[in-house]
């Protein structure tokens, strides 16, 4: 259990069993945490700002970059007022207390990942970047007696495809990290299609081409190819599939392979899995003539559904645990499933430039963030380790006409980093 040293207003206490390794901070009644100092959302977005990609800026579609920042420790704020001593999240039942389970701080792990679309000439396809902390404080450095040298090794599986041998990951002096970027490029002479920065990254091995590991190209999801098909089944192994999660398994070693950071041999498991839907991320698309007995033609996109051919998919369902309230405000000792999404509120929000909805967690309810105008950084993450993946903050750009769906327990936040207002429609449940 970590110990948190804050000013006299706060007292760190052991968290509930499901938060092993984390802390919940008691907030003195009548006071409010100083969210303007050391804000966890700003801390997270600074990690985005510091990140460097291998090639020139124009080689990437920046609105489509997706980031994974794994973290190993989390600090949550406790309830306010008379509930200040209730520091077990499973028993924090005041659903109108918006202070409880706000994220105070977090500690990132050694690894971070980025995926997105890269462009070279007339090719646009996926890439995956994997970065590991340099310096003496990483787990691998400690395991190797702080003798890592100019490169480390990486074993990697992306989806169902694994590297036939360990990859060499060179040290990047500018970022003080070991970094490799894998492109799914399909074509001749990539070097001739890159600028000086990209060519240098190719030369030193930071940028490599492995289309079997990160397969696909942007044209795989063109509108004409998928009409009235379930997008889930189109190019299912695509490294930038708009609906299917991308599972990544990896382990790091020193160059001699005598020291490993591999989660004691279990390997690290990560997923890009934010539920984000909209004009280019949907279940299916088609044309409906005379819609509901009307006139003309309607083009539709099914985004999320438990209806018709989607019955039983569970996309709008949730598992209600013993510590959860169900849709009718009841708690009991059973685990049960709700096959629908309960809506307790519908709100319109305007976020001014520089405004951010802070990182926080809802214990019970699902919630949707629909961007109406503008764009912002959407953050979604697991508050605890899931059976199939490490816990991470996942960050994507939420654009107009797209929404993110949050499951109960997801950590989340949204930042307007532009110089214009953004407009949101939000619906779901508070807790």
Protein backbone atom coordinates (compact mmCIF):
# COMPACT_ATOMS: atom_id res chain seq x y z
CA UNK A 1 0.00 0.00 0.00
CA UNK A 2 1.43 3.36 -0.97
CA UNK A 3 1.61 6.31 1.41
CA UNK A 4 0.51 9.71 0.16
CA UNK A 5 2.00 12.88 1.64
CA UNK A 6 -0.36 15.82 1.20
CA UNK A 7 -1.05 18.95 3.19
CA UNK A 8 -2.92 18.87 6.47
CA UNK A 9 -6.33 18.79 4.80
CA UNK A 10 -5.90 15.21 3.62
CA UNK A 11 -5.20 11.90 5.29
CA UNK A 12 -4.19 8.87 3.20
CA UNK A 13 -5.77 5.59 4.24
CA UNK A 14 -5.71 2.02 2.99
CA UNK A 15 -8.19 1.54 0.19
CA UNK A 16 -10.79 -1.17 -0.24
CA UNK A 17 -9.54 -4.65 -1.18
CA UNK A 18 -10.45 -4.16 -4.84
CA UNK A 19 -8.08 -1.14 -4.86
CA UNK A 20 -5.04 -3.05 -3.59
CA UNK A 21 -1.91 -0.98 -4.17
CA UNK A 22 -3.87 2.26 -4.50
CA UNK A 23 -4.99 4.90 -2.03
CA UNK A 24 -8.17 6.74 -1.18
CA UNK A 25 -7.61 10.18 0.34
CA UNK A 26 -9.88 11.49 3.07
CA UNK A 27 -10.93 15.09 2.41
CA UNK A 28 -11.56 17.18 5.50
CA UNK A 29 -15.25 18.12 5.70
CA UNK A 30 -15.83 21.72 4.65
CA UNK A 31 -12.82 21.75 2.31
CA UNK A 32 -12.34 20.97 -1.37
CA UNK A 33 -9.28 19.41 -3.02
CA UNK A 34 -7.11 21.87 -4.94
CA UNK A 35 -7.87 20.67 -8.46
CA UNK A 36 -5.86 23.50 -10.03
CA UNK A 37 -2.60 22.18 -8.60
CA UNK A 38 -1.19 18.91 -9.93
CA UNK A 39 -4.42 18.07 -11.78
CA UNK A 40 -4.33 14.45 -12.96
CA UNK A 41 -5.96 15.26 -16.32
CA UNK A 42 -3.28 17.84 -17.09
CA UNK A 43 -0.57 15.43 -15.94
CA UNK A 44 -1.88 12.83 -18.36
CA UNK A 45 -2.12 15.22 -21.31
CA UNK A 46 1.42 16.41 -20.71
CA UNK A 47 2.49 12.85 -21.43
CA UNK A 48 0.74 13.20 -24.79
CA UNK A 49 2.53 16.48 -25.47
CA UNK A 50 5.94 14.97 -24.67
CA UNK A 51 5.47 12.00 -26.98
CA UNK A 52 7.44 11.99 -30.23
CA UNK A 53 6.73 9.92 -33.34
CA UNK A 54 9.38 8.57 -35.69
CA UNK A 55 8.66 10.51 -38.89
CA UNK A 56 7.65 14.07 -39.78
CA UNK A 57 4.38 15.49 -38.49
CA UNK A 58 2.78 15.36 -41.94
CA UNK A 59 3.29 11.58 -42.02
CA UNK A 60 0.41 11.04 -39.53
CA UNK A 61 -3.33 11.66 -39.33
CA UNK A 62 -3.24 13.40 -35.96
CA UNK A 63 -6.98 13.39 -35.27
CA UNK A 64 -6.84 9.59 -35.37
CA UNK A 65 -3.91 9.00 -33.01
CA UNK A 66 -4.75 6.74 -30.07
CA UNK A 67 -2.68 6.53 -26.91
CA UNK A 68 -2.37 3.95 -24.14
CA UNK A 69 -0.75 5.03 -20.87
CA UNK A 70 -0.62 2.10 -18.45
CA UNK A 71 -0.46 3.03 -14.78
CA UNK A 72 0.46 1.09 -11.66
CA UNK A 73 -0.90 3.21 -8.80
CA UNK A 74 -3.96 5.38 -8.46
CA UNK A 75 -5.06 7.90 -5.86
CA UNK A 76 -8.77 8.69 -5.50
CA UNK A 77 -10.44 11.38 -3.42
CA UNK A 78 -13.01 10.26 -0.88
CA UNK A 79 -16.53 11.64 -0.28
CA UNK A 80 -17.37 15.07 1.02
CA UNK A 81 -19.21 16.27 4.11
CA UNK A 82 -20.68 13.76 6.51
CA UNK A 83 -19.48 10.82 4.41
CA UNK A 84 -15.82 11.86 4.62
CA UNK A 85 -14.82 8.78 6.65
CA UNK A 86 -16.42 6.34 4.21
CA UNK A 87 -13.34 5.42 2.16
CA UNK A 88 -14.53 2.11 0.74
CA UNK A 89 -15.71 2.77 -2.85
CA UNK A 90 -18.07 -0.20 -2.64
CA UNK A 91 -20.04 1.58 0.10
CA UNK A 92 -20.01 5.15 -1.20
CA UNK A 93 -23.72 5.24 -2.00
CA UNK A 94 -24.39 8.99 -2.21
CA UNK A 95 -24.93 9.32 -5.95
CA UNK A 96 -25.07 13.13 -5.93
CA UNK A 97 -21.61 13.51 -4.36
CA UNK A 98 -19.40 14.37 -7.35
CA UNK A 99 -16.20 14.56 -5.30
CA UNK A 100 -15.91 10.91 -4.40
CA UNK A 101 -13.74 8.85 -6.74
CA UNK A 102 -12.24 11.85 -8.51
CA UNK A 103 -8.67 10.96 -9.47
CA UNK A 104 -6.07 12.81 -7.43
CA UNK A 105 -2.96 11.38 -9.07
CA UNK A 106 -1.52 8.29 -10.74
CA UNK A 107 1.88 6.70 -11.35
CA UNK A 108 2.57 5.63 -14.94
CA UNK A 109 4.37 2.38 -15.73
CA UNK A 110 7.49 2.06 -17.87
CA UNK A 111 5.57 1.33 -21.09
CA UNK A 112 3.39 3.47 -23.34
CA UNK A 113 1.80 2.65 -26.70
CA UNK A 114 0.43 4.65 -29.64
CA UNK A 115 -1.41 3.52 -32.74
CA UNK A 116 -2.87 5.42 -35.66
CA UNK A 117 -2.78 6.05 -39.39
CA UNK A 118 0.53 6.80 -41.12
CA UNK A 119 0.82 8.16 -44.66
CA UNK A 120 3.55 7.71 -47.27
CA UNK A 121 2.80 8.76 -50.84
CA UNK A 122 -0.58 7.29 -51.79
CA UNK A 123 -0.46 4.70 -48.98
CA UNK A 124 -2.37 5.26 -45.73
CA UNK A 125 -2.19 2.43 -43.23
CA UNK A 126 -1.75 1.57 -39.57
CA UNK A 127 1.25 1.93 -37.33
CA UNK A 128 2.01 0.91 -33.76
CA UNK A 129 4.59 2.65 -31.56
CA UNK A 130 5.92 1.06 -28.36
CA UNK A 131 8.02 3.05 -25.93
CA UNK A 132 9.84 1.96 -22.77
CA UNK A 133 11.31 4.18 -20.08
CA UNK A 134 15.06 4.80 -20.19
CA UNK A 135 17.17 5.67 -17.16
CA UNK A 136 17.84 3.67 -14.01
CA UNK A 137 14.31 3.55 -12.56
CA UNK A 138 12.68 1.10 -14.98
CA UNK A 139 12.01 -2.48 -13.96
CA UNK A 140 14.18 -3.80 -16.77
CA UNK A 141 17.09 -1.56 -15.79
CA UNK A 142 16.90 -2.80 -12.22
CA UNK A 143 16.73 -6.44 -13.39
CA UNK A 144 19.82 -5.88 -15.58
CA UNK A 145 21.81 -4.16 -12.83
CA UNK A 146 21.41 -0.87 -14.72
CA UNK A 147 23.43 -2.09 -17.71
CA UNK A 148 20.95 -1.82 -20.59
CA UNK A 149 23.12 -0.19 -23.24
CA UNK A 150 22.03 1.35 -26.57
CA UNK A 151 19.14 -1.07 -27.27
CA UNK A 152 16.78 -3.54 -25.62
CA UNK A 153 14.77 -6.47 -26.98
CA UNK A 154 11.01 -6.82 -27.42
CA UNK A 155 8.79 -9.86 -27.86
CA UNK A 156 5.47 -8.74 -29.33
CA UNK A 157 2.12 -10.18 -30.32
CA UNK A 158 -0.44 -7.93 -32.05
CA UNK A 159 -3.81 -9.62 -32.30
CA UNK A 160 -3.03 -13.12 -33.57
CA UNK A 161 0.35 -12.28 -35.12
CA UNK A 162 3.60 -12.54 -33.17
CA UNK A 163 7.14 -11.53 -34.00
CA UNK A 164 9.16 -14.53 -35.28
CA UNK A 165 12.12 -13.31 -33.22
CA UNK A 166 12.80 -10.59 -30.68
CA UNK A 167 12.80 -7.05 -32.07
CA UNK A 168 15.66 -4.66 -31.35
CA UNK A 169 14.41 -1.43 -29.77
CA UNK A 170 16.96 1.42 -29.97
CA UNK A 171 17.45 4.09 -27.34
CA UNK A 172 16.17 7.56 -28.24
CA UNK A 173 18.33 10.26 -26.66
CA UNK A 174 15.74 12.99 -27.27
CA UNK A 175 13.01 11.25 -25.29
CA UNK A 176 15.21 9.20 -22.92
CA UNK A 177 13.20 6.13 -23.90
CA UNK A 178 13.67 2.93 -25.88
CA UNK A 179 11.27 3.24 -28.82
CA UNK A 180 10.18 1.35 -31.89
CA UNK A 181 7.50 2.23 -34.45
CA UNK A 182 6.08 -0.50 -36.67
CA UNK A 183 4.37 0.45 -39.92
CA UNK A 184 2.13 -1.78 -42.01
CA UNK A 185 3.51 -0.18 -45.16
CA UNK A 186 2.86 -2.09 -48.39
CA UNK A 187 4.84 -0.74 -51.29
CA UNK A 188 8.34 -0.12 -52.60
CA UNK A 189 11.11 2.02 -51.13
CA UNK A 190 9.51 3.62 -48.08
CA UNK A 191 12.63 5.72 -47.50
CA UNK A 192 12.03 7.66 -50.72
CA UNK A 193 8.56 8.64 -49.48
CA UNK A 194 9.70 10.00 -46.12
CA UNK A 195 11.36 13.22 -45.03
CA UNK A 196 14.76 13.44 -43.35
CA UNK A 197 13.43 12.61 -39.89
CA UNK A 198 11.64 9.48 -41.10
CA UNK A 199 14.62 8.32 -43.13
CA UNK A 200 16.90 8.69 -40.13
CA UNK A 201 14.43 6.69 -37.99
CA UNK A 202 14.49 3.94 -40.61
CA UNK A 203 18.27 3.96 -40.64
CA UNK A 204 18.69 3.56 -36.87
CA UNK A 205 15.92 0.93 -36.57
CA UNK A 206 13.38 3.04 -34.69
CA UNK A 207 11.01 2.79 -37.68
CA UNK A 208 10.51 -0.67 -39.18
CA UNK A 209 8.07 -2.20 -41.68
CA UNK A 210 6.10 -5.33 -40.71
CA UNK A 211 2.74 -5.46 -42.56
CA UNK A 212 2.01 -8.94 -41.22
CA UNK A 213 2.18 -7.62 -37.66
CA UNK A 214 0.11 -4.44 -38.17
CA UNK A 215 -2.01 -5.34 -41.22
CA UNK A 216 -4.52 -3.27 -43.15
CA UNK A 217 -4.95 0.02 -44.92
CA UNK A 218 -7.48 2.83 -44.61
CA UNK A 219 -9.25 1.88 -47.84
CA UNK A 220 -10.42 -1.41 -46.25
CA UNK A 221 -13.26 0.50 -44.60
CA UNK A 222 -14.43 2.61 -47.53
CA UNK A 223 -18.17 3.14 -47.53
CA UNK A 224 -18.84 1.19 -50.73
CA UNK A 225 -17.16 -1.96 -49.45
CA UNK A 226 -19.25 -2.47 -46.34
CA UNK A 227 -22.82 -1.47 -47.17
CA UNK A 228 -25.28 -3.48 -45.06
CA UNK A 229 -22.49 -5.65 -43.66
CA UNK A 230 -21.54 -5.91 -40.02
CA UNK A 231 -18.37 -3.88 -39.72
CA UNK A 232 -17.19 -6.29 -37.02
CA UNK A 233 -16.55 -8.92 -39.70
CA UNK A 234 -14.79 -6.63 -42.20
CA UNK A 235 -10.98 -7.06 -42.07
CA UNK A 236 -11.18 -8.50 -38.53
CA UNK A 237 -7.38 -8.57 -38.05
CA UNK A 238 -6.94 -4.93 -39.08
CA UNK A 239 -4.62 -3.09 -36.68
CA UNK A 240 -6.85 0.02 -36.83
CA UNK A 241 -10.24 -1.65 -36.87
CA UNK A 242 -12.83 0.99 -35.90
CA UNK A 243 -14.97 -1.38 -33.77
CA UNK A 244 -12.92 -4.41 -32.70
CA UNK A 245 -10.46 -4.05 -29.80
CA UNK A 246 -6.78 -4.54 -30.59
CA UNK A 247 -5.05 -6.81 -28.09
CA UNK A 248 -1.29 -6.49 -27.62
CA UNK A 249 0.93 -8.83 -25.63
CA UNK A 250 4.58 -8.01 -25.01
CA UNK A 251 7.67 -8.52 -22.88
CA UNK A 252 11.00 -6.68 -22.74
CA UNK A 253 14.53 -8.03 -22.28
CA UNK A 254 18.03 -6.65 -22.20
CA UNK A 255 20.10 -7.14 -25.34
CA UNK A 256 21.70 -10.32 -23.98
CA UNK A 257 18.27 -11.68 -22.92
CA UNK A 258 19.57 -12.38 -19.43
CA UNK A 259 17.12 -9.98 -17.74
CA UNK A 260 13.41 -9.59 -18.45
CA UNK A 261 10.48 -7.35 -17.67
CA UNK A 262 7.71 -9.79 -18.50
CA UNK A 263 5.31 -9.66 -15.52
CA UNK A 264 7.05 -12.73 -14.08
CA UNK A 265 6.64 -14.62 -17.35
CA UNK A 266 2.93 -13.85 -17.83
CA UNK A 267 3.73 -10.99 -20.27
CA UNK A 268 1.96 -7.66 -20.34
CA UNK A 269 -1.44 -7.51 -22.00
CA UNK A 270 -2.85 -4.24 -23.33
CA UNK A 271 -5.93 -3.32 -25.36
CA UNK A 272 -7.02 -0.39 -27.45
CA UNK A 273 -10.72 -0.83 -26.69
CA UNK A 274 -12.48 2.52 -26.20
CA UNK A 275 -16.11 2.20 -27.29
CA UNK A 276 -16.16 5.11 -29.74
CA UNK A 277 -18.81 5.29 -32.46
CA UNK A 278 -19.84 7.77 -35.12
CA UNK A 279 -19.71 8.48 -38.84
CA UNK A 280 -16.73 6.20 -39.49
CA UNK A 281 -17.01 3.82 -36.52
CA UNK A 282 -20.25 1.84 -36.48
CA UNK A 283 -21.81 -1.61 -36.60
CA UNK A 284 -23.33 -1.35 -40.07
CA UNK A 285 -24.43 1.16 -42.69
CA UNK A 286 -27.10 1.03 -45.35
CA UNK A 287 -29.93 2.73 -47.27
CA UNK A 288 -33.58 2.55 -46.24
CA UNK A 289 -36.14 3.53 -48.92
CA UNK A 290 -39.42 5.06 -47.70
CA UNK A 291 -38.23 4.95 -44.07
CA UNK A 292 -41.13 3.99 -41.79
CA UNK A 293 -43.56 4.66 -44.63
CA UNK A 294 -42.06 8.05 -45.45
CA UNK A 295 -40.63 9.54 -48.63
CA UNK A 296 -37.20 9.22 -50.23
CA UNK A 297 -34.11 7.43 -49.02
CA UNK A 298 -32.50 7.43 -45.60
CA UNK A 299 -28.86 6.50 -45.06
CA UNK A 300 -28.35 4.93 -41.66
CA UNK A 301 -25.54 3.82 -39.41
CA UNK A 302 -26.21 1.41 -36.58
CA UNK A 303 -23.91 2.54 -33.76
CA UNK A 304 -24.86 0.53 -30.67
CA UNK A 305 -27.76 -1.84 -30.43
CA UNK A 306 -29.39 -4.73 -28.59
CA UNK A 307 -32.14 -4.79 -31.23
CA UNK A 308 -32.91 -7.12 -34.15
CA UNK A 309 -29.83 -8.86 -35.47
CA UNK A 310 -27.80 -7.31 -32.63
CA UNK A 311 -29.92 -8.92 -29.91
CA UNK A 312 -27.74 -10.61 -27.33
CA UNK A 313 -24.56 -8.74 -28.24
CA UNK A 314 -24.56 -7.07 -24.84
CA UNK A 315 -23.14 -3.79 -26.11
CA UNK A 316 -25.61 -1.81 -24.03
CA UNK A 317 -25.74 -4.35 -21.21
CA UNK A 318 -23.84 -4.34 -17.94
CA UNK A 319 -23.08 -6.81 -15.18
CA UNK A 320 -24.45 -5.59 -11.86
CA UNK A 321 -22.11 -6.55 -9.02
CA UNK A 322 -23.13 -6.80 -5.34
CA UNK A 323 -21.75 -3.32 -4.66
CA UNK A 324 -23.66 -1.78 -7.63
CA UNK A 325 -27.07 -0.18 -7.64
CA UNK A 326 -29.22 -1.60 -10.42
CA UNK A 327 -31.41 0.51 -12.72
CA UNK A 328 -34.13 0.56 -10.07
CA UNK A 329 -31.88 1.75 -7.24
CA UNK A 330 -31.55 -1.65 -5.57
CA UNK A 331 -28.53 -3.45 -4.13
CA UNK A 332 -28.31 -7.10 -3.17
CA UNK A 333 -25.69 -9.83 -2.77
CA UNK A 334 -26.10 -11.30 -6.26
CA UNK A 335 -24.34 -10.68 -9.57
CA UNK A 336 -26.84 -10.14 -12.35
CA UNK A 337 -27.05 -8.71 -15.86
CA UNK A 338 -29.02 -5.79 -17.19
CA UNK A 339 -29.52 -6.05 -20.94
CA UNK A 340 -30.24 -2.35 -21.38
CA UNK A 341 -28.77 1.04 -20.61
CA UNK A 342 -30.62 3.00 -17.94
CA UNK A 343 -30.68 6.77 -18.49
CA UNK A 344 -31.04 9.05 -15.47
CA UNK A 345 -30.17 12.35 -17.13
CA UNK A 346 -29.64 14.13 -20.47
CA UNK A 347 -27.48 17.26 -20.46
CA UNK A 348 -25.99 19.77 -22.85
CA UNK A 349 -22.50 21.02 -21.94
CA UNK A 350 -20.30 23.78 -23.30
CA UNK A 351 -16.59 23.52 -22.51
CA UNK A 352 -14.67 26.76 -22.91
CA UNK A 353 -11.09 26.69 -24.24
CA UNK A 354 -8.81 25.16 -21.63
CA UNK A 355 -11.71 23.56 -19.74
CA UNK A 356 -11.50 19.90 -18.85
CA UNK A 357 -13.86 17.41 -17.20
CA UNK A 358 -11.51 15.82 -14.67
CA UNK A 359 -10.58 12.18 -14.43
CA UNK A 360 -13.12 10.38 -12.29
CA UNK A 361 -14.95 7.11 -11.90
CA UNK A 362 -18.59 6.11 -11.81
CA UNK A 363 -19.12 3.02 -9.75
CA UNK A 364 -22.51 2.03 -11.15
CA UNK A 365 -23.66 3.74 -14.29
CA UNK A 366 -22.95 3.82 -17.99
CA UNK A 367 -22.55 7.21 -19.64
CA UNK A 368 -22.21 8.57 -23.18
CA UNK A 369 -20.27 11.64 -24.35
CA UNK A 370 -21.51 12.85 -27.76
CA UNK A 371 -19.45 15.62 -29.38
CA UNK A 372 -21.78 18.00 -31.18
CA UNK A 373 -19.33 20.75 -32.17
CA UNK A 374 -15.56 20.94 -31.91
CA UNK A 375 -13.11 18.30 -30.77
CA UNK A 376 -11.44 17.27 -27.55
CA UNK A 377 -9.25 14.64 -25.96
CA UNK A 378 -11.43 11.82 -24.59
CA UNK A 379 -9.94 9.65 -21.84
CA UNK A 380 -11.33 6.26 -20.82
CA UNK A 381 -9.61 3.72 -18.59
CA UNK A 382 -9.98 0.71 -16.35
CA UNK A 383 -9.90 1.49 -12.64
CA UNK A 384 -8.63 -2.01 -11.84
CA UNK A 385 -6.78 -4.72 -13.71
CA UNK A 386 -9.08 -6.78 -15.93
CA UNK A 387 -8.52 -10.50 -16.54
CA UNK A 388 -7.42 -9.88 -20.14
CA UNK A 389 -5.50 -6.60 -19.84
CA UNK A 390 -3.49 -4.24 -17.68
CA UNK A 391 -5.20 -1.07 -16.58
CA UNK A 392 -4.49 1.95 -18.78
CA UNK A 393 -5.69 5.38 -19.70
CA UNK A 394 -6.71 5.34 -23.35
CA UNK A 395 -6.85 8.72 -25.13
CA UNK A 396 -8.47 9.51 -28.47
CA UNK A 397 -9.70 12.66 -30.21
CA UNK A 398 -13.47 12.88 -29.93
CA UNK A 399 -14.75 14.64 -33.06
CA UNK A 400 -18.11 16.14 -33.97
CA UNK A 401 -20.68 13.41 -34.65
CA UNK A 402 -18.85 10.80 -32.54
CA UNK A 403 -19.47 9.58 -29.02
CA UNK A 404 -17.70 7.47 -26.41
CA UNK A 405 -19.64 5.01 -24.25
CA UNK A 406 -18.36 4.40 -20.72
CA UNK A 407 -19.13 1.30 -18.74
CA UNK A 408 -19.67 1.38 -14.98
CA UNK A 409 -16.29 1.57 -13.27
CA UNK A 410 -14.50 3.19 -16.19
CA UNK A 411 -12.28 6.13 -15.36
CA UNK A 412 -12.87 8.97 -17.77
CA UNK A 413 -12.40 12.64 -18.55
CA UNK A 414 -12.48 15.08 -21.46
CA UNK A 415 -10.22 18.04 -22.28
CA UNK A 416 -10.86 20.97 -24.60
CA UNK A 417 -7.32 21.85 -25.67
CA UNK A 418 -8.49 24.03 -28.58
CA UNK A 419 -9.11 27.79 -28.70
CA UNK A 420 -12.84 27.37 -29.42
CA UNK A 421 -15.87 26.24 -27.42
CA UNK A 422 -16.91 22.62 -27.74
CA UNK A 423 -20.49 21.40 -27.30
CA UNK A 424 -21.42 18.06 -25.76
CA UNK A 425 -24.61 16.08 -25.37
CA UNK A 426 -24.25 13.72 -22.41
CA UNK A 427 -26.62 11.09 -21.12
CA UNK A 428 -26.44 8.21 -18.70
CA UNK A 429 -26.32 7.96 -14.92
CA UNK A 430 -24.57 9.89 -12.20
CA UNK A 431 -23.07 8.29 -9.15
